[in-house]
Amino acid sequence: MLPIVFDLDGTLIDSLPNITDAVNLLLGEMSRDPLPATQVAGFVGLGEQVLMDRLIAATGMENEDRADLMARFLHHYEITSRDTRLIDGVEPVLQALKGAGAALGLCTNKPRVALEPVLEHSPLGTLLDAVVAGDDVPRRKPDPAPLLMVMEKLGANRCLYVGDAIHDAQTAQNAGMPFALYTEGIRDDTPITADVEFSDFAELPAIWRSF
């Protein structure tokens, strides 16, 4: 059976509130005004280094110690990630897919320090068969290396990749894998090419069977 590999932020979990909280805790420490979630959404998806680049550019913190900013942010992010909420419908659908024999993997740009609390404090820790975090490999999505590593862990040479953003679609394309787009995640208006789109996780088992 075809394994299913998922993106995390905006696909399986509603992480934007947690990321926004971590960003604003850092900004408060640096005597900067907080940012709205709509602006922080434009920082996420390509890992914590890109997030920090965009945050620094948006808030004028060019003269601050970047390593210190990153350490502070990751500290807050690890704590706020403990309260991450699964997107509606995710848990029962993952359980149903596992019951039907699907191997489930995770390919995310989220750093391991923020991923572990999510796995520990949510059902994902017991539902996923293979996990690759953003800092588990030298190159991050949209490079295909993280997705290929998940597939190797699953013992598979093909999978269905599920994500919510353009870099997820590019990852699947770069790896030569079919891509299912979850349309309700963290994304802007950039057109995204997908093999199939869905807005409700209840649709996913039928999509999986179609491949």
N, C-alpha and C. Protein backbone atom coordinates (compact mmCIF):
# COMPACT_ATOMS: atom_id res chain seq x y z
N MET A 1 0.83 -1.20 0.00
CA MET A 1 0.00 0.00 0.00
C MET A 1 0.87 1.25 0.00
N LEU A 2 0.38 2.29 -0.65
CA LEU A 2 1.14 3.53 -0.78
C LEU A 2 1.22 4.25 0.57
N PRO A 3 2.43 4.52 1.07
CA PRO A 3 2.55 5.31 2.30
C PRO A 3 2.07 6.75 2.08
N ILE A 4 1.70 7.40 3.15
CA ILE A 4 1.32 8.81 3.11
C ILE A 4 2.29 9.57 4.01
N VAL A 5 2.88 10.61 3.46
CA VAL A 5 3.79 11.46 4.23
C VAL A 5 3.19 12.86 4.31
N PHE A 6 3.20 13.43 5.49
CA PHE A 6 2.55 14.71 5.73
C PHE A 6 3.56 15.80 6.06
N ASP A 7 3.26 17.01 5.61
CA ASP A 7 3.81 18.22 6.19
C ASP A 7 3.16 18.37 7.57
N LEU A 8 3.68 19.27 8.40
CA LEU A 8 3.14 19.43 9.75
C LEU A 8 2.37 20.73 9.93
N ASP A 9 3.10 21.86 9.90
CA ASP A 9 2.48 23.15 10.20
C ASP A 9 1.47 23.55 9.12
N GLY A 10 0.24 23.75 9.55
CA GLY A 10 -0.81 24.12 8.62
C GLY A 10 -1.44 22.95 7.91
N THR A 11 -0.86 21.76 8.07
CA THR A 11 -1.41 20.56 7.44
C THR A 11 -2.02 19.63 8.49
N LEU A 12 -1.23 19.27 9.50
CA LEU A 12 -1.74 18.42 10.59
C LEU A 12 -2.05 19.23 11.84
N ILE A 13 -1.33 20.33 12.03
CA ILE A 13 -1.52 21.11 13.25
C ILE A 13 -1.76 22.58 12.92
N ASP A 14 -2.51 23.23 13.81
CA ASP A 14 -2.75 24.67 13.71
C ASP A 14 -1.68 25.36 14.54
N SER A 15 -0.49 25.51 13.96
CA SER A 15 0.67 25.97 14.72
C SER A 15 0.86 27.48 14.67
N LEU A 16 0.14 28.18 13.82
CA LEU A 16 0.38 29.62 13.69
C LEU A 16 0.22 30.37 15.02
N PRO A 17 -0.79 30.06 15.85
CA PRO A 17 -0.87 30.75 17.14
C PRO A 17 0.35 30.53 18.02
N ASN A 18 0.90 29.33 18.01
CA ASN A 18 2.07 29.02 18.83
C ASN A 18 3.32 29.73 18.33
N ILE A 19 3.48 29.76 17.00
CA ILE A 19 4.62 30.46 16.42
C ILE A 19 4.51 31.95 16.70
N THR A 20 3.30 32.49 16.54
CA THR A 20 3.09 33.92 16.79
C THR A 20 3.39 34.26 18.24
N ASP A 21 2.95 33.42 19.17
CA ASP A 21 3.23 33.65 20.59
C ASP A 21 4.74 33.67 20.85
N ALA A 22 5.47 32.71 20.24
CA ALA A 22 6.91 32.65 20.44
C ALA A 22 7.60 33.88 19.87
N VAL A 23 7.17 34.30 18.68
CA VAL A 23 7.73 35.50 18.06
C VAL A 23 7.50 36.71 18.95
N ASN A 24 6.28 36.85 19.46
CA ASN A 24 5.95 38.04 20.23
C ASN A 24 6.57 38.04 21.63
N LEU A 25 6.81 36.86 22.19
CA LEU A 25 7.57 36.80 23.44
C LEU A 25 8.99 37.31 23.22
N LEU A 26 9.59 36.90 22.09
CA LEU A 26 10.92 37.39 21.76
C LEU A 26 10.91 38.90 21.54
N LEU A 27 9.93 39.39 20.78
CA LEU A 27 9.87 40.82 20.50
C LEU A 27 9.67 41.63 21.79
N GLY A 28 8.88 41.09 22.72
CA GLY A 28 8.70 41.76 24.00
C GLY A 28 10.00 41.89 24.76
N GLU A 29 10.81 40.83 24.73
CA GLU A 29 12.11 40.88 25.40
C GLU A 29 13.04 41.91 24.76
N MET A 30 12.83 42.15 23.47
CA MET A 30 13.68 43.08 22.74
C MET A 30 13.05 44.47 22.65
N SER A 31 12.00 44.70 23.43
CA SER A 31 11.31 46.01 23.47
C SER A 31 10.77 46.40 22.10
N ARG A 32 10.28 45.41 21.37
CA ARG A 32 9.64 45.65 20.07
C ARG A 32 8.15 45.38 20.20
N ASP A 33 7.37 46.03 19.36
CA ASP A 33 5.92 45.83 19.36
C ASP A 33 5.58 44.43 18.83
N PRO A 34 4.50 43.84 19.32
CA PRO A 34 4.09 42.52 18.82
C PRO A 34 3.59 42.60 17.38
N LEU A 35 3.63 41.47 16.71
CA LEU A 35 3.17 41.37 15.33
C LEU A 35 1.89 40.53 15.28
N PRO A 36 0.98 40.84 14.36
CA PRO A 36 -0.23 40.02 14.21
C PRO A 36 0.09 38.68 13.54
N ALA A 37 -0.76 37.72 13.79
CA ALA A 37 -0.56 36.38 13.21
C ALA A 37 -0.54 36.43 11.70
N THR A 38 -1.31 37.35 11.11
CA THR A 38 -1.34 37.43 9.65
C THR A 38 0.02 37.80 9.09
N GLN A 39 0.79 38.61 9.81
CA GLN A 39 2.14 38.94 9.34
C GLN A 39 3.11 37.81 9.62
N VAL A 40 3.01 37.20 10.79
CA VAL A 40 3.89 36.08 11.13
C VAL A 40 3.70 34.92 10.15
N ALA A 41 2.49 34.75 9.64
CA ALA A 41 2.22 33.68 8.68
C ALA A 41 3.14 33.77 7.48
N GLY A 42 3.52 34.99 7.11
CA GLY A 42 4.43 35.16 5.98
C GLY A 42 5.86 34.79 6.26
N PHE A 43 6.18 34.50 7.52
CA PHE A 43 7.54 34.14 7.91
C PHE A 43 7.75 32.62 7.92
N VAL A 44 6.68 31.84 7.94
CA VAL A 44 6.79 30.42 8.27
C VAL A 44 6.82 29.54 7.03
N GLY A 45 7.28 28.30 7.24
CA GLY A 45 7.22 27.28 6.21
C GLY A 45 8.57 26.79 5.74
N LEU A 46 9.60 27.64 5.83
CA LEU A 46 10.91 27.26 5.30
C LEU A 46 11.95 27.09 6.41
N GLY A 47 11.48 26.92 7.64
CA GLY A 47 12.39 26.68 8.75
C GLY A 47 12.68 27.92 9.57
N GLU A 48 13.32 27.69 10.72
CA GLU A 48 13.51 28.77 11.68
C GLU A 48 14.53 29.81 11.22
N GLN A 49 15.48 29.41 10.36
CA GLN A 49 16.47 30.38 9.88
C GLN A 49 15.81 31.42 8.97
N VAL A 50 14.96 30.96 8.07
CA VAL A 50 14.24 31.88 7.19
C VAL A 50 13.27 32.73 8.01
N LEU A 51 12.58 32.11 8.98
CA LEU A 51 11.69 32.88 9.84
C LEU A 51 12.47 34.01 10.52
N MET A 52 13.64 33.71 11.03
CA MET A 52 14.42 34.73 11.72
C MET A 52 14.87 35.82 10.76
N ASP A 53 15.29 35.44 9.55
CA ASP A 53 15.66 36.44 8.55
C ASP A 53 14.51 37.42 8.31
N ARG A 54 13.32 36.87 8.14
CA ARG A 54 12.16 37.70 7.83
C ARG A 54 11.73 38.53 9.04
N LEU A 55 11.86 37.96 10.22
CA LEU A 55 11.51 38.69 11.44
C LEU A 55 12.46 39.86 11.66
N ILE A 56 13.74 39.63 11.48
CA ILE A 56 14.72 40.69 11.65
C ILE A 56 14.47 41.82 10.65
N ALA A 57 14.20 41.44 9.41
CA ALA A 57 13.95 42.45 8.38
C ALA A 57 12.69 43.26 8.67
N ALA A 58 11.69 42.61 9.25
CA ALA A 58 10.41 43.28 9.49
C ALA A 58 10.43 44.17 10.73
N THR A 59 11.36 43.93 11.65
CA THR A 59 11.33 44.63 12.94
C THR A 59 12.55 45.50 13.21
N GLY A 60 13.47 45.54 12.25
CA GLY A 60 14.62 46.40 12.42
C GLY A 60 15.61 45.94 13.47
N MET A 61 15.77 44.62 13.63
CA MET A 61 16.70 44.11 14.63
C MET A 61 18.04 43.71 14.02
N GLU A 62 18.44 44.38 12.94
CA GLU A 62 19.67 44.03 12.23
C GLU A 62 20.91 44.09 13.11
N ASN A 63 20.90 44.96 14.10
CA ASN A 63 22.10 45.13 14.93
C ASN A 63 22.13 44.20 16.15
N GLU A 64 21.11 43.38 16.30
CA GLU A 64 21.08 42.46 17.44
C GLU A 64 21.93 41.22 17.14
N ASP A 65 22.28 40.50 18.19
CA ASP A 65 23.03 39.26 18.08
C ASP A 65 22.10 38.18 17.55
N ARG A 66 22.31 37.74 16.30
CA ARG A 66 21.40 36.79 15.68
C ARG A 66 21.36 35.46 16.45
N ALA A 67 22.51 34.99 16.88
CA ALA A 67 22.54 33.72 17.62
C ALA A 67 21.73 33.81 18.90
N ASP A 68 21.82 34.95 19.56
CA ASP A 68 21.04 35.16 20.79
C ASP A 68 19.55 35.22 20.47
N LEU A 69 19.19 35.92 19.39
CA LEU A 69 17.78 35.98 18.99
C LEU A 69 17.24 34.59 18.70
N MET A 70 18.02 33.78 17.99
CA MET A 70 17.56 32.44 17.65
C MET A 70 17.41 31.58 18.90
N ALA A 71 18.36 31.66 19.81
CA ALA A 71 18.27 30.88 21.04
C ALA A 71 17.04 31.27 21.86
N ARG A 72 16.77 32.56 21.95
CA ARG A 72 15.59 33.02 22.68
C ARG A 72 14.31 32.55 22.00
N PHE A 73 14.28 32.69 20.67
CA PHE A 73 13.08 32.27 19.94
C PHE A 73 12.83 30.77 20.12
N LEU A 74 13.86 29.95 19.96
CA LEU A 74 13.67 28.50 20.08
C LEU A 74 13.25 28.10 21.49
N HIS A 75 13.74 28.81 22.49
CA HIS A 75 13.31 28.55 23.86
C HIS A 75 11.79 28.78 23.99
N HIS A 76 11.32 29.92 23.49
CA HIS A 76 9.90 30.21 23.56
C HIS A 76 9.09 29.24 22.69
N TYR A 77 9.64 28.92 21.54
CA TYR A 77 8.94 28.04 20.59
C TYR A 77 8.76 26.64 21.18
N GLU A 78 9.78 26.15 21.86
CA GLU A 78 9.67 24.84 22.50
C GLU A 78 8.54 24.83 23.52
N ILE A 79 8.38 25.91 24.25
CA ILE A 79 7.35 25.98 25.29
C ILE A 79 5.96 26.15 24.66
N THR A 80 5.82 27.07 23.71
CA THR A 80 4.50 27.30 23.12
C THR A 80 4.03 26.11 22.29
N SER A 81 4.96 25.31 21.78
CA SER A 81 4.59 24.15 20.96
C SER A 81 3.89 23.06 21.77
N ARG A 82 4.01 23.12 23.08
CA ARG A 82 3.35 22.11 23.92
C ARG A 82 1.83 22.20 23.84
N ASP A 83 1.33 23.36 23.44
CA ASP A 83 -0.12 23.58 23.40
C ASP A 83 -0.68 23.54 21.98
N THR A 84 0.07 22.96 21.05
CA THR A 84 -0.38 22.91 19.65
C THR A 84 -1.64 22.08 19.50
N ARG A 85 -2.55 22.57 18.66
CA ARG A 85 -3.83 21.89 18.43
C ARG A 85 -3.83 21.22 17.06
N LEU A 86 -4.31 19.97 17.02
CA LEU A 86 -4.47 19.29 15.74
C LEU A 86 -5.60 19.95 14.96
N ILE A 87 -5.45 19.98 13.65
CA ILE A 87 -6.51 20.47 12.78
C ILE A 87 -7.70 19.53 12.86
N ASP A 88 -8.90 20.08 12.79
CA ASP A 88 -10.12 19.30 12.91
C ASP A 88 -10.12 18.12 11.93
N GLY A 89 -10.42 16.95 12.46
CA GLY A 89 -10.54 15.76 11.63
C GLY A 89 -9.27 14.98 11.44
N VAL A 90 -8.13 15.54 11.83
CA VAL A 90 -6.86 14.87 11.57
C VAL A 90 -6.74 13.55 12.33
N GLU A 91 -7.00 13.56 13.64
CA GLU A 91 -6.77 12.34 14.43
C GLU A 91 -7.60 11.16 13.96
N PRO A 92 -8.92 11.28 13.81
CA PRO A 92 -9.68 10.11 13.36
C PRO A 92 -9.30 9.63 11.97
N VAL A 93 -8.94 10.55 11.09
CA VAL A 93 -8.55 10.15 9.74
C VAL A 93 -7.21 9.40 9.76
N LEU A 94 -6.25 9.88 10.54
CA LEU A 94 -4.99 9.15 10.64
C LEU A 94 -5.20 7.77 11.25
N GLN A 95 -6.06 7.68 12.23
CA GLN A 95 -6.36 6.38 12.82
C GLN A 95 -7.00 5.45 11.79
N ALA A 96 -7.91 5.99 10.99
CA ALA A 96 -8.57 5.19 9.96
C ALA A 96 -7.57 4.73 8.90
N LEU A 97 -6.67 5.61 8.50
CA LEU A 97 -5.66 5.25 7.50
C LEU A 97 -4.73 4.16 8.03
N LYS A 98 -4.32 4.27 9.28
CA LYS A 98 -3.49 3.23 9.86
C LYS A 98 -4.24 1.92 9.94
N GLY A 99 -5.52 2.00 10.29
CA GLY A 99 -6.34 0.80 10.35
C GLY A 99 -6.51 0.14 9.00
N ALA A 100 -6.41 0.94 7.95
CA ALA A 100 -6.52 0.40 6.59
C ALA A 100 -5.18 -0.08 6.04
N GLY A 101 -4.14 0.06 6.84
CA GLY A 101 -2.84 -0.47 6.44
C GLY A 101 -1.86 0.54 5.89
N ALA A 102 -2.17 1.83 5.95
CA ALA A 102 -1.26 2.85 5.42
C ALA A 102 -0.16 3.15 6.42
N ALA A 103 1.08 3.19 5.93
CA ALA A 103 2.19 3.68 6.73
C ALA A 103 2.17 5.21 6.67
N LEU A 104 2.40 5.87 7.81
CA LEU A 104 2.28 7.32 7.90
C LEU A 104 3.62 7.94 8.28
N GLY A 105 4.03 8.93 7.51
CA GLY A 105 5.28 9.62 7.78
C GLY A 105 5.09 11.11 7.93
N LEU A 106 6.11 11.77 8.45
CA LEU A 106 6.08 13.22 8.64
C LEU A 106 7.36 13.81 8.09
N CYS A 107 7.22 14.84 7.25
CA CYS A 107 8.36 15.56 6.68
C CYS A 107 8.12 17.03 6.90
N THR A 108 8.84 17.63 7.84
CA THR A 108 8.59 19.01 8.24
C THR A 108 9.88 19.81 8.31
N ASN A 109 9.77 21.11 8.07
CA ASN A 109 10.90 22.01 8.27
C ASN A 109 10.98 22.51 9.71
N LYS A 110 10.02 22.13 10.55
CA LYS A 110 10.06 22.54 11.96
C LYS A 110 11.29 21.92 12.62
N PRO A 111 12.05 22.71 13.40
CA PRO A 111 13.23 22.15 14.07
C PRO A 111 12.83 21.11 15.12
N ARG A 112 13.73 20.21 15.39
CA ARG A 112 13.46 19.10 16.31
C ARG A 112 13.06 19.60 17.70
N VAL A 113 13.64 20.70 18.17
CA VAL A 113 13.35 21.20 19.51
C VAL A 113 11.89 21.61 19.65
N ALA A 114 11.28 22.09 18.58
CA ALA A 114 9.86 22.45 18.63
C ALA A 114 8.97 21.30 18.21
N LEU A 115 9.52 20.34 17.47
CA LEU A 115 8.72 19.19 17.03
C LEU A 115 8.46 18.22 18.18
N GLU A 116 9.46 17.97 19.01
CA GLU A 116 9.32 16.95 20.05
C GLU A 116 8.15 17.23 21.00
N PRO A 117 7.93 18.49 21.45
CA PRO A 117 6.77 18.73 22.30
C PRO A 117 5.44 18.44 21.61
N VAL A 118 5.38 18.69 20.30
CA VAL A 118 4.16 18.39 19.55
C VAL A 118 3.91 16.89 19.54
N LEU A 119 4.94 16.12 19.28
CA LEU A 119 4.80 14.67 19.26
C LEU A 119 4.45 14.12 20.64
N GLU A 120 5.03 14.73 21.67
CA GLU A 120 4.82 14.25 23.04
C GLU A 120 3.43 14.60 23.56
N HIS A 121 2.92 15.77 23.20
CA HIS A 121 1.68 16.26 23.79
C HIS A 121 0.48 16.13 22.85
N SER A 122 0.63 15.37 21.78
CA SER A 122 -0.49 15.15 20.87
C SER A 122 -0.50 13.69 20.44
N PRO A 123 -1.57 13.21 19.81
CA PRO A 123 -1.62 11.82 19.35
C PRO A 123 -0.64 11.50 18.24
N LEU A 124 -0.02 12.52 17.63
CA LEU A 124 0.86 12.27 16.50
C LEU A 124 2.03 11.37 16.87
N GLY A 125 2.49 11.48 18.11
CA GLY A 125 3.63 10.68 18.52
C GLY A 125 3.41 9.18 18.39
N THR A 126 2.17 8.74 18.52
CA THR A 126 1.88 7.30 18.41
C THR A 126 1.30 6.92 17.05
N LEU A 127 0.90 7.90 16.27
CA LEU A 127 0.27 7.61 14.98
C LEU A 127 1.26 7.58 13.82
N LEU A 128 2.36 8.29 13.95
CA LEU A 128 3.32 8.40 12.85
C LEU A 128 4.38 7.31 12.93
N ASP A 129 4.70 6.73 11.77
CA ASP A 129 5.65 5.62 11.70
C ASP A 129 7.08 6.10 11.44
N ALA A 130 7.24 7.27 10.84
CA ALA A 130 8.57 7.80 10.55
C ALA A 130 8.49 9.32 10.54
N VAL A 131 9.50 9.96 11.12
CA VAL A 131 9.49 11.41 11.28
C VAL A 131 10.86 11.97 10.90
N VAL A 132 10.86 13.03 10.10
CA VAL A 132 12.09 13.78 9.79
C VAL A 132 11.82 15.25 10.07
N ALA A 133 12.60 15.83 10.98
CA ALA A 133 12.49 17.25 11.32
C ALA A 133 13.40 18.07 10.40
N GLY A 134 13.21 19.40 10.47
CA GLY A 134 13.95 20.26 9.58
C GLY A 134 15.45 20.19 9.76
N ASP A 135 15.92 20.01 10.99
CA ASP A 135 17.35 19.96 11.24
C ASP A 135 17.90 18.54 11.33
N ASP A 136 17.13 17.56 10.87
CA ASP A 136 17.62 16.18 10.81
C ASP A 136 18.48 15.94 9.57
N VAL A 137 18.36 16.81 8.58
CA VAL A 137 19.10 16.68 7.32
C VAL A 137 19.73 18.03 6.99
N PRO A 138 20.81 18.03 6.18
CA PRO A 138 21.47 19.30 5.86
C PRO A 138 20.63 20.24 5.02
N ARG A 139 19.74 19.70 4.18
CA ARG A 139 18.95 20.53 3.27
C ARG A 139 17.47 20.38 3.59
N ARG A 140 16.76 21.47 3.58
CA ARG A 140 15.35 21.47 3.94
C ARG A 140 14.45 21.58 2.73
N LYS A 141 13.18 21.28 2.92
CA LYS A 141 12.22 21.49 1.85
C LYS A 141 12.31 22.92 1.34
N PRO A 142 12.20 23.13 0.02
CA PRO A 142 11.71 22.21 -1.01
C PRO A 142 12.73 21.25 -1.60
N ASP A 143 13.94 21.18 -1.05
CA ASP A 143 14.87 20.13 -1.46
C ASP A 143 14.20 18.78 -1.17
N PRO A 144 14.35 17.81 -2.05
CA PRO A 144 13.67 16.52 -1.83
C PRO A 144 14.29 15.65 -0.75
N ALA A 145 15.50 16.01 -0.27
CA ALA A 145 16.22 15.13 0.66
C ALA A 145 15.41 14.74 1.89
N PRO A 146 14.70 15.67 2.57
CA PRO A 146 13.94 15.24 3.75
C PRO A 146 12.83 14.25 3.43
N LEU A 147 12.13 14.48 2.32
CA LEU A 147 11.05 13.56 1.95
C LEU A 147 11.62 12.19 1.59
N LEU A 148 12.73 12.18 0.89
CA LEU A 148 13.35 10.91 0.52
C LEU A 148 13.83 10.16 1.76
N MET A 149 14.27 10.90 2.78
CA MET A 149 14.70 10.25 4.02
C MET A 149 13.52 9.60 4.73
N VAL A 150 12.38 10.28 4.76
CA VAL A 150 11.19 9.68 5.37
C VAL A 150 10.82 8.40 4.64
N MET A 151 10.84 8.46 3.31
CA MET A 151 10.50 7.27 2.53
C MET A 151 11.47 6.12 2.81
N GLU A 152 12.74 6.45 2.97
CA GLU A 152 13.72 5.42 3.31
C GLU A 152 13.38 4.80 4.67
N LYS A 153 13.00 5.63 5.63
CA LYS A 153 12.62 5.10 6.95
C LYS A 153 11.40 4.19 6.86
N LEU A 154 10.51 4.51 5.92
CA LEU A 154 9.29 3.71 5.73
C LEU A 154 9.54 2.49 4.85
N GLY A 155 10.72 2.39 4.26
CA GLY A 155 11.03 1.29 3.35
C GLY A 155 10.25 1.36 2.06
N ALA A 156 10.04 2.59 1.57
CA ALA A 156 9.21 2.79 0.38
C ALA A 156 9.98 3.58 -0.67
N ASN A 157 9.63 3.36 -1.93
CA ASN A 157 10.23 4.15 -3.01
C ASN A 157 9.21 5.09 -3.66
N ARG A 158 8.01 5.12 -3.10
CA ARG A 158 6.97 6.02 -3.59
C ARG A 158 6.03 6.34 -2.44
N CYS A 159 5.46 7.55 -2.44
CA CYS A 159 4.51 7.92 -1.41
C CYS A 159 3.57 8.98 -1.96
N LEU A 160 2.50 9.24 -1.22
CA LEU A 160 1.65 10.41 -1.44
C LEU A 160 2.07 11.45 -0.42
N TYR A 161 2.47 12.63 -0.91
CA TYR A 161 2.86 13.69 0.01
C TYR A 161 1.71 14.67 0.16
N VAL A 162 1.41 15.03 1.41
CA VAL A 162 0.28 15.90 1.72
C VAL A 162 0.81 17.15 2.40
N GLY A 163 0.47 18.33 1.85
CA GLY A 163 0.92 19.58 2.44
C GLY A 163 -0.02 20.72 2.11
N ASP A 164 0.33 21.90 2.61
CA ASP A 164 -0.57 23.05 2.47
C ASP A 164 0.05 24.24 1.76
N ALA A 165 1.31 24.15 1.36
CA ALA A 165 2.01 25.33 0.86
C ALA A 165 2.80 25.01 -0.40
N ILE A 166 3.25 26.08 -1.07
CA ILE A 166 3.94 25.89 -2.34
C ILE A 166 5.25 25.12 -2.17
N HIS A 167 5.95 25.33 -1.05
CA HIS A 167 7.20 24.58 -0.89
C HIS A 167 6.95 23.09 -0.68
N ASP A 168 5.76 22.72 -0.21
CA ASP A 168 5.40 21.30 -0.13
C ASP A 168 5.18 20.73 -1.52
N ALA A 169 4.49 21.48 -2.36
CA ALA A 169 4.27 21.04 -3.74
C ALA A 169 5.60 20.90 -4.47
N GLN A 170 6.50 21.84 -4.24
CA GLN A 170 7.81 21.79 -4.89
C GLN A 170 8.62 20.60 -4.39
N THR A 171 8.49 20.30 -3.10
CA THR A 171 9.18 19.14 -2.54
C THR A 171 8.73 17.86 -3.22
N ALA A 172 7.42 17.69 -3.33
CA ALA A 172 6.89 16.50 -3.98
C ALA A 172 7.35 16.43 -5.43
N GLN A 173 7.28 17.55 -6.12
CA GLN A 173 7.71 17.57 -7.52
C GLN A 173 9.19 17.22 -7.64
N ASN A 174 10.02 17.80 -6.78
CA ASN A 174 11.46 17.53 -6.83
C ASN A 174 11.79 16.08 -6.52
N ALA A 175 10.94 15.44 -5.72
CA ALA A 175 11.15 14.02 -5.39
C ALA A 175 10.44 13.09 -6.36
N GLY A 176 9.63 13.65 -7.25
CA GLY A 176 8.89 12.83 -8.21
C GLY A 176 7.73 12.09 -7.60
N MET A 177 7.09 12.68 -6.57
CA MET A 177 5.99 12.04 -5.86
C MET A 177 4.67 12.79 -6.11
N PRO A 178 3.55 12.09 -6.07
CA PRO A 178 2.25 12.77 -6.18
C PRO A 178 2.00 13.64 -4.95
N PHE A 179 1.25 14.72 -5.16
CA PHE A 179 1.04 15.70 -4.11
C PHE A 179 -0.44 15.99 -3.94
N ALA A 180 -0.89 15.96 -2.67
CA ALA A 180 -2.26 16.33 -2.32
C ALA A 180 -2.20 17.62 -1.51
N LEU A 181 -2.92 18.65 -1.96
CA LEU A 181 -2.90 19.96 -1.33
C LEU A 181 -4.07 20.12 -0.37
N TYR A 182 -3.74 20.38 0.90
CA TYR A 182 -4.76 20.75 1.89
C TYR A 182 -4.94 22.26 1.78
N THR A 183 -6.11 22.68 1.35
CA THR A 183 -6.31 24.08 0.95
C THR A 183 -6.59 25.02 2.11
N GLU A 184 -6.75 24.51 3.32
CA GLU A 184 -7.13 25.36 4.46
C GLU A 184 -5.97 25.68 5.38
N GLY A 185 -4.74 25.46 4.95
CA GLY A 185 -3.59 25.65 5.82
C GLY A 185 -3.02 27.05 5.77
N ILE A 186 -1.72 27.17 6.11
CA ILE A 186 -1.03 28.45 6.14
C ILE A 186 -0.48 28.71 4.74
N ARG A 187 -1.12 29.61 4.01
CA ARG A 187 -0.68 29.84 2.64
C ARG A 187 -1.13 31.23 2.19
N ASP A 188 -0.48 31.71 1.14
CA ASP A 188 -0.90 32.98 0.56
C ASP A 188 -1.63 32.69 -0.75
N ASP A 189 -1.69 33.66 -1.64
CA ASP A 189 -2.44 33.50 -2.88
C ASP A 189 -1.60 32.94 -4.02
N THR A 190 -0.38 32.51 -3.75
CA THR A 190 0.47 31.95 -4.80
C THR A 190 -0.17 30.69 -5.37
N PRO A 191 -0.32 30.60 -6.69
CA PRO A 191 -0.91 29.39 -7.28
C PRO A 191 -0.06 28.16 -6.97
N ILE A 192 -0.71 27.07 -6.64
CA ILE A 192 -0.02 25.83 -6.29
C ILE A 192 -0.54 24.72 -7.19
N THR A 193 0.37 24.00 -7.80
CA THR A 193 0.00 22.86 -8.64
C THR A 193 0.00 21.59 -7.81
N ALA A 194 -1.11 20.87 -7.85
CA ALA A 194 -1.24 19.63 -7.07
C ALA A 194 -1.94 18.57 -7.91
N ASP A 195 -1.72 17.32 -7.58
CA ASP A 195 -2.43 16.23 -8.25
C ASP A 195 -3.89 16.20 -7.81
N VAL A 196 -4.13 16.61 -6.57
CA VAL A 196 -5.49 16.65 -6.03
C VAL A 196 -5.52 17.66 -4.89
N GLU A 197 -6.67 18.29 -4.67
CA GLU A 197 -6.86 19.23 -3.58
C GLU A 197 -7.99 18.75 -2.68
N PHE A 198 -7.90 19.10 -1.39
CA PHE A 198 -9.00 18.78 -0.47
C PHE A 198 -9.04 19.82 0.62
N SER A 199 -10.22 20.05 1.16
CA SER A 199 -10.41 21.04 2.23
C SER A 199 -10.87 20.43 3.53
N ASP A 200 -11.22 19.14 3.51
CA ASP A 200 -11.72 18.42 4.69
C ASP A 200 -10.96 17.11 4.78
N PHE A 201 -10.37 16.83 5.95
CA PHE A 201 -9.58 15.62 6.09
C PHE A 201 -10.40 14.35 5.88
N ALA A 202 -11.70 14.43 6.02
CA ALA A 202 -12.54 13.26 5.76
C ALA A 202 -12.42 12.79 4.32
N GLU A 203 -11.96 13.67 3.43
CA GLU A 203 -11.79 13.31 2.02
C GLU A 203 -10.52 12.51 1.77
N LEU A 204 -9.59 12.54 2.70
CA LEU A 204 -8.26 11.99 2.43
C LEU A 204 -8.23 10.47 2.21
N PRO A 205 -8.97 9.64 2.96
CA PRO A 205 -8.90 8.20 2.69
C PRO A 205 -9.30 7.85 1.25
N ALA A 206 -10.31 8.49 0.72
CA ALA A 206 -10.70 8.21 -0.66
C ALA A 206 -9.62 8.67 -1.64
N ILE A 207 -9.00 9.81 -1.34
CA ILE A 207 -7.89 10.30 -2.19
C ILE A 207 -6.76 9.29 -2.17
N TRP A 208 -6.40 8.82 -0.98
CA TRP A 208 -5.33 7.84 -0.85
C TRP A 208 -5.61 6.58 -1.67
N ARG A 209 -6.84 6.08 -1.57
CA ARG A 209 -7.20 4.88 -2.31
C ARG A 209 -7.13 5.09 -3.81
N SER A 210 -7.31 6.33 -4.27
CA SER A 210 -7.30 6.61 -5.71
C SER A 210 -5.90 6.52 -6.31
N PHE A 211 -4.87 6.53 -5.45
CA PHE A 211 -3.49 6.41 -5.93
C PHE A 211 -3.00 4.97 -5.85
